[in-house]
Amino acid sequence: MAIQKNYDVIICGAGPAGSTAALALVDSGLRVAVIEKYSFPRDKICGDAVASYVPKVLNTINPRFKDAAMEFDQKVIVDTCRLYAPNKKYVDISSGEYGFIASRVAWDNFLYELASKQPNITYFLNQPIIDVSISEQRKEVIVKTKGDTFTAKLIIGCDGAQSIVNKKITKTRPDLSHYSGAVRAYFKNVSGIPDNTFELHFIKEALPGYFWIFPIKDNMANVGLGALSKSISNKKMNLRKSMMDIIQNNPYIKERFANAEMVGDLEGFGLPLGSRKVTISGDHFMLCGDAAALIDPASGEGIGQAMVSGRYAGWHAKKCFEQNNFTGTFMKGYDKLVYDKLWWTHRKHFYLQKLILDRAWLLNGLFTFLKNKTISRFLIKAMG
């Protein structure tokens, strides 16, 4: 028999967005339920890159959360991006700040353990969501899982690119012009990875996509290939085949994989890009992270954006209860926080992608300019 559970806030999804939203609601006095499809530790197909500003996001919630992140030991610190042009020449770019690479198994589990220890946060694991609705009559959200029914005044959808919350509440549908596809696998013993460096390879045969090598703990690397979905469709690209062709046949890549071993499977995933504005809030709901289409159009980065939006959603949820206002009009305050922070950078990166990623000659020329440190610093600052 299904049991009804009543909370103040329901967070759907316990990835970086969901757990950060939960952390932002610590000490709020609100009863928060976090519903997650799987148990922890669990994997999430991703590039595993965590932006340098993420500890600052946690610090704005509570300095002890930042301290915990700094002590998290399942990460590889990176401060340099090595960019390879189609002509195989490379340039090292550094913003002067440190990010890190950590498997989603480890990072998501860290955030889960951090948030689940808080007294007002309750996690419900192994609970796939089957329906979400908003009762106008009772002014509440109703979430049904395979086991239970949850009710709350407010729902925060953090349930990824295939968000059930988004599908059930909004009319937003994927647009291939603002969506990317990618594949990734883990490899052990990839040779030639420089210290504190992650790599992006713009290989002529794979344009407008790019191939990446991101180092993680224990001599492992996250290796993948991604491209804009519209280009994948138009060019009939097979990303899995293209990636393995690069590893097995590209002259300057294959030698680095000569003694490498793939660990696990080559898996694919979709990335809803933050290059268009979509519905991310309304009466009694907010969306965060991939569910809100907030992935960087150029880099494919999404963990940082997920945590930024999760923080804002948690903060705005407090205001909703303080003012007893859960209307779509009031929720626009959340939209403003998110888009003021991310929109302009995402649009610049979207146009950068469209301008250069399918033009090998332009990439070759750009990388020549980037070798000038003054020019590279200017472009890094200009592109956000």
Protein backbone atom coordinates (compact mmCIF):
# COMPACT_ATOMS: atom_id res chain seq x y z
CA MET A 1 0.00 0.00 0.00
CA ALA A 2 1.35 3.41 -0.99
CA ILE A 3 2.11 5.74 1.91
CA GLN A 4 1.62 9.52 1.68
CA LYS A 5 4.52 11.57 3.00
CA ASN A 6 4.14 15.31 3.60
CA TYR A 7 7.05 17.74 3.35
CA ASP A 8 7.62 21.45 2.81
CA VAL A 9 9.96 21.02 -0.17
CA ILE A 10 10.49 18.06 -2.49
CA ILE A 11 13.75 17.87 -4.45
CA CYS A 12 13.69 15.37 -7.31
CA GLY A 13 17.17 14.10 -8.11
CA ALA A 14 20.18 13.85 -5.80
CA GLY A 15 22.99 14.82 -8.18
CA PRO A 16 25.04 18.03 -7.78
CA ALA A 17 21.99 20.27 -8.35
CA GLY A 18 19.70 18.39 -5.97
CA SER A 19 22.19 17.95 -3.15
CA THR A 20 23.31 21.58 -3.43
CA ALA A 21 19.69 22.74 -3.27
CA ALA A 22 19.31 20.60 -0.13
CA LEU A 23 22.44 22.13 1.40
CA ALA A 24 21.09 25.62 0.66
CA LEU A 25 18.01 24.71 2.72
CA VAL A 26 19.95 23.60 5.80
CA ASP A 27 18.98 25.64 8.86
CA SER A 28 15.85 26.88 7.04
CA GLY A 29 13.52 25.09 9.40
CA LEU A 30 11.87 23.47 6.38
CA ARG A 31 11.31 19.74 6.05
CA VAL A 32 13.01 18.68 2.83
CA ALA A 33 12.61 15.38 0.97
CA VAL A 34 15.17 14.43 -1.69
CA ILE A 35 13.91 11.67 -4.00
CA GLU A 36 16.52 9.76 -5.98
CA LYS A 37 16.06 6.99 -8.52
CA TYR A 38 19.16 5.06 -7.46
CA SER A 39 21.18 4.37 -4.31
CA PHE A 40 24.64 5.78 -3.59
CA PRO A 41 27.33 5.46 -4.67
CA ARG A 42 26.04 5.49 -8.24
CA ASP A 43 27.49 6.53 -11.58
CA LYS A 44 26.36 9.32 -13.89
CA ILE A 45 27.65 9.50 -17.46
CA CYS A 46 29.56 12.76 -17.66
CA GLY A 47 32.89 14.37 -18.47
CA ASP A 48 33.61 14.64 -14.71
CA ALA A 49 35.10 18.17 -14.84
CA VAL A 50 34.30 20.37 -11.84
CA ALA A 51 34.76 24.12 -12.34
CA SER A 52 37.11 26.17 -10.18
CA TYR A 53 34.25 28.25 -8.76
CA VAL A 54 32.43 25.25 -7.21
CA PRO A 55 34.12 25.55 -3.78
CA LYS A 56 33.10 29.22 -3.77
CA VAL A 57 29.49 28.19 -4.40
CA LEU A 58 29.61 25.90 -1.37
CA ASN A 59 31.30 28.63 0.66
CA THR A 60 28.40 31.02 0.02
CA ILE A 61 26.07 28.44 1.56
CA ASN A 62 28.30 27.61 4.51
CA PRO A 63 32.12 27.77 4.82
CA ARG A 64 32.18 24.31 6.39
CA PHE A 65 30.81 22.86 3.14
CA LYS A 66 33.66 24.46 1.22
CA ASP A 67 36.15 23.08 3.75
CA ALA A 68 34.71 19.61 3.25
CA ALA A 69 35.08 19.96 -0.53
CA MET A 70 38.70 21.05 -0.19
CA GLU A 71 39.38 17.92 1.87
CA PHE A 72 37.63 15.67 -0.68
CA ASP A 73 40.50 13.42 -1.78
CA GLN A 74 39.01 11.66 -4.82
CA LYS A 75 39.97 14.45 -7.21
CA VAL A 76 42.77 15.41 -9.59
CA ILE A 77 43.58 19.11 -9.45
CA VAL A 78 43.83 20.81 -12.85
CA ASP A 79 44.77 24.38 -13.71
CA THR A 80 45.60 24.06 -17.42
CA CYS A 81 43.61 23.22 -20.52
CA ARG A 82 45.72 21.89 -23.40
CA LEU A 83 43.99 22.62 -26.71
CA TYR A 84 45.03 20.69 -29.81
CA ALA A 85 44.25 22.27 -33.19
CA PRO A 86 43.40 20.14 -36.24
CA ASN A 87 47.00 20.62 -37.44
CA LYS A 88 48.09 18.80 -34.21
CA LYS A 89 49.75 21.89 -32.73
CA TYR A 90 48.71 22.68 -29.19
CA VAL A 91 48.51 25.58 -26.80
CA ASP A 92 48.19 25.52 -23.01
CA ILE A 93 45.60 27.85 -21.54
CA SER A 94 45.37 28.70 -17.85
CA SER A 95 42.98 31.06 -16.09
CA GLY A 96 45.12 31.03 -12.96
CA GLU A 97 42.47 29.11 -10.99
CA TYR A 98 42.27 25.46 -10.01
CA GLY A 99 39.42 23.18 -10.94
CA PHE A 100 39.41 19.43 -10.59
CA ILE A 101 38.35 16.19 -12.24
CA ALA A 102 36.50 13.60 -10.16
CA SER A 103 34.35 10.68 -11.17
CA ARG A 104 30.66 11.31 -10.69
CA VAL A 105 30.53 8.16 -8.56
CA ALA A 106 32.84 9.86 -6.06
CA TRP A 107 31.69 13.51 -6.33
CA ASP A 108 27.95 12.86 -6.24
CA ASN A 109 28.42 10.50 -3.32
CA PHE A 110 30.42 13.17 -1.47
CA LEU A 111 27.62 15.73 -1.90
CA TYR A 112 24.99 13.16 -0.93
CA GLU A 113 26.84 12.25 2.26
CA LEU A 114 27.32 15.93 3.10
CA ALA A 115 23.63 16.80 2.66
CA SER A 116 22.13 13.61 4.09
CA LYS A 117 23.78 14.28 7.46
CA GLN A 118 21.74 17.48 7.89
CA PRO A 119 18.83 17.04 10.32
CA ASN A 120 16.10 18.62 8.16
CA ILE A 121 17.05 16.75 4.97
CA THR A 122 15.65 13.27 4.30
CA TYR A 123 16.79 11.23 1.29
CA PHE A 124 14.56 8.60 -0.30
CA LEU A 125 16.75 6.35 -2.45
CA ASN A 126 15.76 3.75 -5.04
CA GLN A 127 12.53 5.68 -5.66
CA PRO A 128 11.93 6.20 -9.41
CA ILE A 129 9.41 9.00 -10.01
CA ILE A 130 6.43 7.97 -12.11
CA ASP A 131 4.27 11.09 -11.93
CA VAL A 132 4.36 14.74 -10.90
CA SER A 133 1.35 17.04 -10.73
CA ILE A 134 0.31 20.33 -9.18
CA SER A 135 -3.06 20.53 -7.46
CA GLU A 136 -4.48 24.00 -8.08
CA GLN A 137 -7.27 23.32 -5.64
CA ARG A 138 -5.03 22.30 -2.75
CA LYS A 139 -2.07 24.46 -3.81
CA GLU A 140 0.42 21.65 -3.49
CA VAL A 141 2.72 19.43 -5.52
CA ILE A 142 2.05 15.70 -5.69
CA VAL A 143 4.91 13.32 -6.54
CA LYS A 144 4.28 9.64 -7.04
CA THR A 145 7.02 7.04 -6.96
CA LYS A 146 6.74 3.28 -7.29
CA GLY A 147 6.44 3.06 -3.53
CA ASP A 148 5.00 6.25 -2.08
CA THR A 149 3.17 9.52 -2.67
CA PHE A 150 4.82 12.76 -1.58
CA THR A 151 3.18 16.16 -1.16
CA ALA A 152 4.74 19.58 -0.62
CA LYS A 153 4.21 23.27 -1.24
CA LEU A 154 7.20 23.41 -3.58
CA ILE A 155 9.11 21.08 -5.88
CA ILE A 156 12.66 21.57 -7.20
CA GLY A 157 13.34 19.46 -10.29
CA CYS A 158 16.97 18.35 -10.40
CA ASP A 159 16.39 15.09 -12.21
CA GLY A 160 18.63 15.54 -15.23
CA ALA A 161 18.35 15.88 -18.98
CA GLN A 162 15.37 13.49 -19.12
CA SER A 163 13.65 15.26 -16.22
CA ILE A 164 10.26 13.82 -15.31
CA VAL A 165 9.44 17.05 -13.47
CA ASN A 166 10.12 19.06 -16.62
CA LYS A 167 8.14 16.71 -18.86
CA LYS A 168 5.12 16.62 -16.56
CA ILE A 169 4.92 20.35 -15.77
CA THR A 170 6.33 22.35 -18.70
CA LYS A 171 5.92 22.25 -22.45
CA THR A 172 9.66 22.47 -23.12
CA ARG A 173 10.90 19.93 -25.65
CA PRO A 174 14.44 19.27 -26.96
CA ASP A 175 15.75 21.39 -29.83
CA LEU A 176 18.65 19.82 -31.71
CA SER A 177 20.14 23.28 -32.31
CA HIS A 178 20.51 23.65 -28.55
CA TYR A 179 21.40 20.09 -27.61
CA SER A 180 24.59 18.05 -27.75
CA GLY A 181 25.34 14.36 -27.75
CA ALA A 182 28.45 12.73 -26.33
CA VAL A 183 30.03 9.39 -25.55
CA ARG A 184 32.60 8.61 -22.90
CA ALA A 185 34.55 5.73 -21.44
CA TYR A 186 37.14 5.28 -18.70
CA PHE A 187 40.63 4.18 -19.68
CA LYS A 188 43.54 3.05 -17.53
CA ASN A 189 47.18 3.75 -18.44
CA VAL A 190 46.71 6.45 -21.09
CA SER A 191 50.23 7.79 -21.63
CA GLY A 192 51.49 11.35 -21.99
CA ILE A 193 48.95 13.15 -19.79
CA PRO A 194 50.69 16.30 -18.46
CA ASP A 195 50.43 17.11 -14.75
CA ASN A 196 47.42 19.19 -13.69
CA THR A 197 46.16 19.31 -17.27
CA PHE A 198 43.03 18.28 -19.15
CA GLU A 199 42.98 18.04 -22.94
CA LEU A 200 40.60 19.00 -25.75
CA HIS A 201 41.47 17.74 -29.24
CA PHE A 202 39.86 19.33 -32.29
CA ILE A 203 40.45 16.56 -34.80
CA LYS A 204 39.53 17.38 -38.39
CA GLU A 205 37.63 14.15 -39.02
CA ALA A 206 35.46 14.70 -35.92
CA LEU A 207 34.62 18.40 -36.37
CA PRO A 208 32.46 20.12 -35.25
CA GLY A 209 32.89 17.79 -32.30
CA TYR A 210 35.90 17.51 -30.04
CA PHE A 211 37.71 14.65 -28.34
CA TRP A 212 38.75 14.94 -24.70
CA ILE A 213 41.10 13.31 -22.23
CA PHE A 214 40.47 14.21 -18.57
CA PRO A 215 42.71 12.66 -15.88
CA ILE A 216 41.09 11.14 -12.78
CA LYS A 217 42.46 9.25 -9.78
CA ASP A 218 44.46 6.03 -9.91
CA ASN A 219 46.01 6.51 -13.36
CA MET A 220 42.57 6.61 -14.96
CA ALA A 221 41.19 9.01 -17.58
CA ASN A 222 37.74 10.04 -18.68
CA VAL A 223 37.89 9.93 -22.49
CA GLY A 224 35.09 11.10 -24.74
CA LEU A 225 33.77 12.72 -27.89
CA GLY A 226 30.92 15.23 -28.15
CA ALA A 227 29.19 17.33 -30.80
CA LEU A 228 26.12 19.46 -31.35
CA SER A 229 23.12 17.18 -31.93
CA LYS A 230 22.07 19.01 -35.08
CA SER A 231 25.51 18.38 -36.59
CA ILE A 232 25.37 14.72 -35.53
CA SER A 233 22.04 14.41 -37.33
CA ASN A 234 23.00 16.38 -40.44
CA LYS A 235 26.31 14.58 -40.91
CA LYS A 236 24.97 11.19 -39.80
CA MET A 237 27.77 10.92 -37.27
CA ASN A 238 28.21 7.75 -35.23
CA LEU A 239 29.94 9.08 -32.12
CA ARG A 240 30.86 5.65 -30.75
CA LYS A 241 32.49 4.61 -34.02
CA SER A 242 34.17 7.99 -34.46
CA MET A 243 35.65 7.90 -30.98
CA MET A 244 37.06 4.40 -31.36
CA ASP A 245 38.42 5.31 -34.82
CA ILE A 246 40.30 8.21 -33.23
CA ILE A 247 41.74 6.00 -30.48
CA GLN A 248 42.72 3.18 -32.82
CA ASN A 249 43.78 5.03 -35.96
CA ASN A 250 44.64 8.68 -35.34
CA PRO A 251 48.46 8.85 -35.55
CA TYR A 252 49.12 11.08 -32.56
CA ILE A 253 46.34 9.62 -30.38
CA LYS A 254 46.72 5.89 -30.93
CA GLU A 255 50.28 5.77 -29.60
CA ARG A 256 49.03 7.20 -26.31
CA PHE A 257 46.46 4.40 -26.06
CA ALA A 258 48.85 1.61 -27.08
CA ASN A 259 49.01 0.25 -23.52
CA ALA A 260 45.68 1.62 -22.36
CA GLU A 261 42.77 -0.52 -21.23
CA MET A 262 39.11 0.50 -21.35
CA VAL A 263 37.45 0.00 -17.98
CA GLY A 264 33.70 -0.49 -18.25
CA ASP A 265 31.60 0.41 -21.27
CA LEU A 266 31.55 3.19 -23.84
CA GLU A 267 28.35 5.04 -22.98
CA GLY A 268 26.36 7.90 -24.48
CA PHE A 269 24.50 10.83 -22.98
CA GLY A 270 22.63 13.98 -24.00
CA LEU A 271 23.37 17.55 -22.98
CA PRO A 272 20.60 20.21 -23.04
CA LEU A 273 22.51 23.41 -23.67
CA GLY A 274 22.08 26.76 -21.99
CA SER A 275 22.05 28.61 -25.31
CA ARG A 276 18.30 29.24 -25.22
CA LYS A 277 16.01 30.30 -22.42
CA VAL A 278 13.43 27.72 -21.43
CA THR A 279 10.80 27.51 -18.71
CA ILE A 280 12.69 26.93 -15.47
CA SER A 281 10.01 27.93 -12.96
CA GLY A 282 6.31 28.46 -12.45
CA ASP A 283 3.60 27.96 -9.84
CA HIS A 284 5.09 25.81 -7.06
CA PHE A 285 8.15 24.64 -9.04
CA MET A 286 11.73 25.39 -10.07
CA LEU A 287 14.11 23.45 -12.32
CA CYS A 288 17.88 23.21 -11.89
CA GLY A 289 20.93 21.89 -13.72
CA ASP A 290 20.36 19.71 -16.77
CA ALA A 291 16.60 19.75 -16.13
CA ALA A 292 16.77 23.52 -16.71
CA ALA A 293 19.05 23.18 -19.80
CA LEU A 294 22.04 24.96 -18.25
CA ILE A 295 25.02 23.16 -19.84
CA ASP A 296 27.76 25.34 -21.31
CA PRO A 297 27.42 25.22 -25.14
CA ALA A 298 31.15 25.29 -25.84
CA SER A 299 32.73 23.22 -23.08
CA GLY A 300 29.85 20.88 -22.23
CA GLU A 301 30.41 21.70 -18.56
CA GLY A 302 27.33 21.21 -16.41
CA ILE A 303 28.31 20.33 -12.83
CA GLY A 304 29.14 23.91 -11.85
CA GLN A 305 25.97 25.28 -13.43
CA ALA A 306 23.93 22.60 -11.68
CA MET A 307 25.34 23.61 -8.32
CA VAL A 308 24.89 27.34 -8.97
CA SER A 309 21.24 26.83 -9.91
CA GLY A 310 20.69 24.43 -6.98
CA ARG A 311 22.02 27.04 -4.58
CA TYR A 312 19.75 29.72 -6.04
CA ALA A 313 16.74 27.40 -5.91
CA GLY A 314 17.35 26.63 -2.25
CA TRP A 315 17.73 30.30 -1.41
CA HIS A 316 14.61 31.25 -3.35
CA ALA A 317 12.63 28.45 -1.71
CA LYS A 318 13.32 30.09 1.66
CA LYS A 319 11.87 33.36 0.34
CA CYS A 320 8.78 31.53 -0.91
CA PHE A 321 8.02 30.26 2.58
CA GLU A 322 8.94 33.52 4.28
CA GLN A 323 6.42 35.37 2.09
CA ASN A 324 4.03 32.44 1.62
CA ASN A 325 4.19 33.04 -2.11
CA PHE A 326 4.59 30.14 -4.54
CA THR A 327 3.21 31.81 -7.67
CA GLY A 328 4.89 31.74 -11.06
CA THR A 329 5.28 35.51 -10.88
CA PHE A 330 7.22 35.28 -7.63
CA MET A 331 9.35 32.45 -9.02
CA LYS A 332 10.67 34.82 -11.70
CA GLY A 333 13.09 35.98 -9.02
CA TYR A 334 14.78 32.58 -9.35
CA ASP A 335 14.92 32.90 -13.16
CA LYS A 336 16.62 36.26 -12.79
CA LEU A 337 19.28 34.89 -10.45
CA VAL A 338 20.09 32.01 -12.81
CA TYR A 339 20.10 33.90 -16.08
CA ASP A 340 21.89 36.97 -14.70
CA LYS A 341 24.67 34.60 -13.68
CA LEU A 342 24.87 32.28 -16.69
CA TRP A 343 23.02 33.58 -19.74
CA TRP A 344 25.51 35.98 -21.30
CA THR A 345 28.43 33.56 -20.97
CA HIS A 346 26.39 30.73 -22.48
CA ARG A 347 25.30 32.82 -25.45
CA LYS A 348 28.87 33.93 -26.16
CA HIS A 349 30.02 30.33 -26.04
CA PHE A 350 27.16 29.24 -28.31
CA TYR A 351 28.19 31.70 -31.01
CA LEU A 352 31.85 30.78 -30.56
CA GLN A 353 30.93 27.16 -31.17
CA LYS A 354 28.95 27.99 -34.30
CA LEU A 355 31.73 30.25 -35.63
CA ILE A 356 34.81 28.10 -35.30
CA LEU A 357 34.18 24.44 -34.46
CA ASP A 358 33.45 23.37 -38.04
CA ARG A 359 36.31 25.33 -39.60
CA ALA A 360 39.66 23.58 -39.27
CA TRP A 361 41.57 26.44 -40.88
CA LEU A 362 40.08 28.96 -38.47
CA LEU A 363 40.92 26.79 -35.47
CA ASN A 364 44.50 26.42 -36.68
CA GLY A 365 44.81 30.20 -37.00
CA LEU A 366 43.15 30.90 -33.67
CA PHE A 367 45.50 28.57 -31.82
CA THR A 368 48.47 30.42 -33.31
CA PHE A 369 47.14 33.64 -31.76
CA LEU A 370 46.47 31.88 -28.44
CA LYS A 371 50.17 31.12 -28.06
CA ASN A 372 50.52 34.82 -27.29
CA LYS A 373 49.80 34.93 -23.54
CA THR A 374 48.46 38.49 -23.66
CA ILE A 375 45.95 37.54 -26.35
CA SER A 376 44.99 34.30 -24.58
CA ARG A 377 44.37 36.12 -21.28
CA PHE A 378 42.24 38.70 -23.10
CA LEU A 379 40.15 36.01 -24.82
CA ILE A 380 39.68 34.03 -21.61
CA LYS A 381 38.40 37.17 -19.87
CA ALA A 382 36.21 38.18 -22.85
CA MET A 383 34.61 34.76 -23.17
CA GLY A 384 33.80 34.54 -19.47
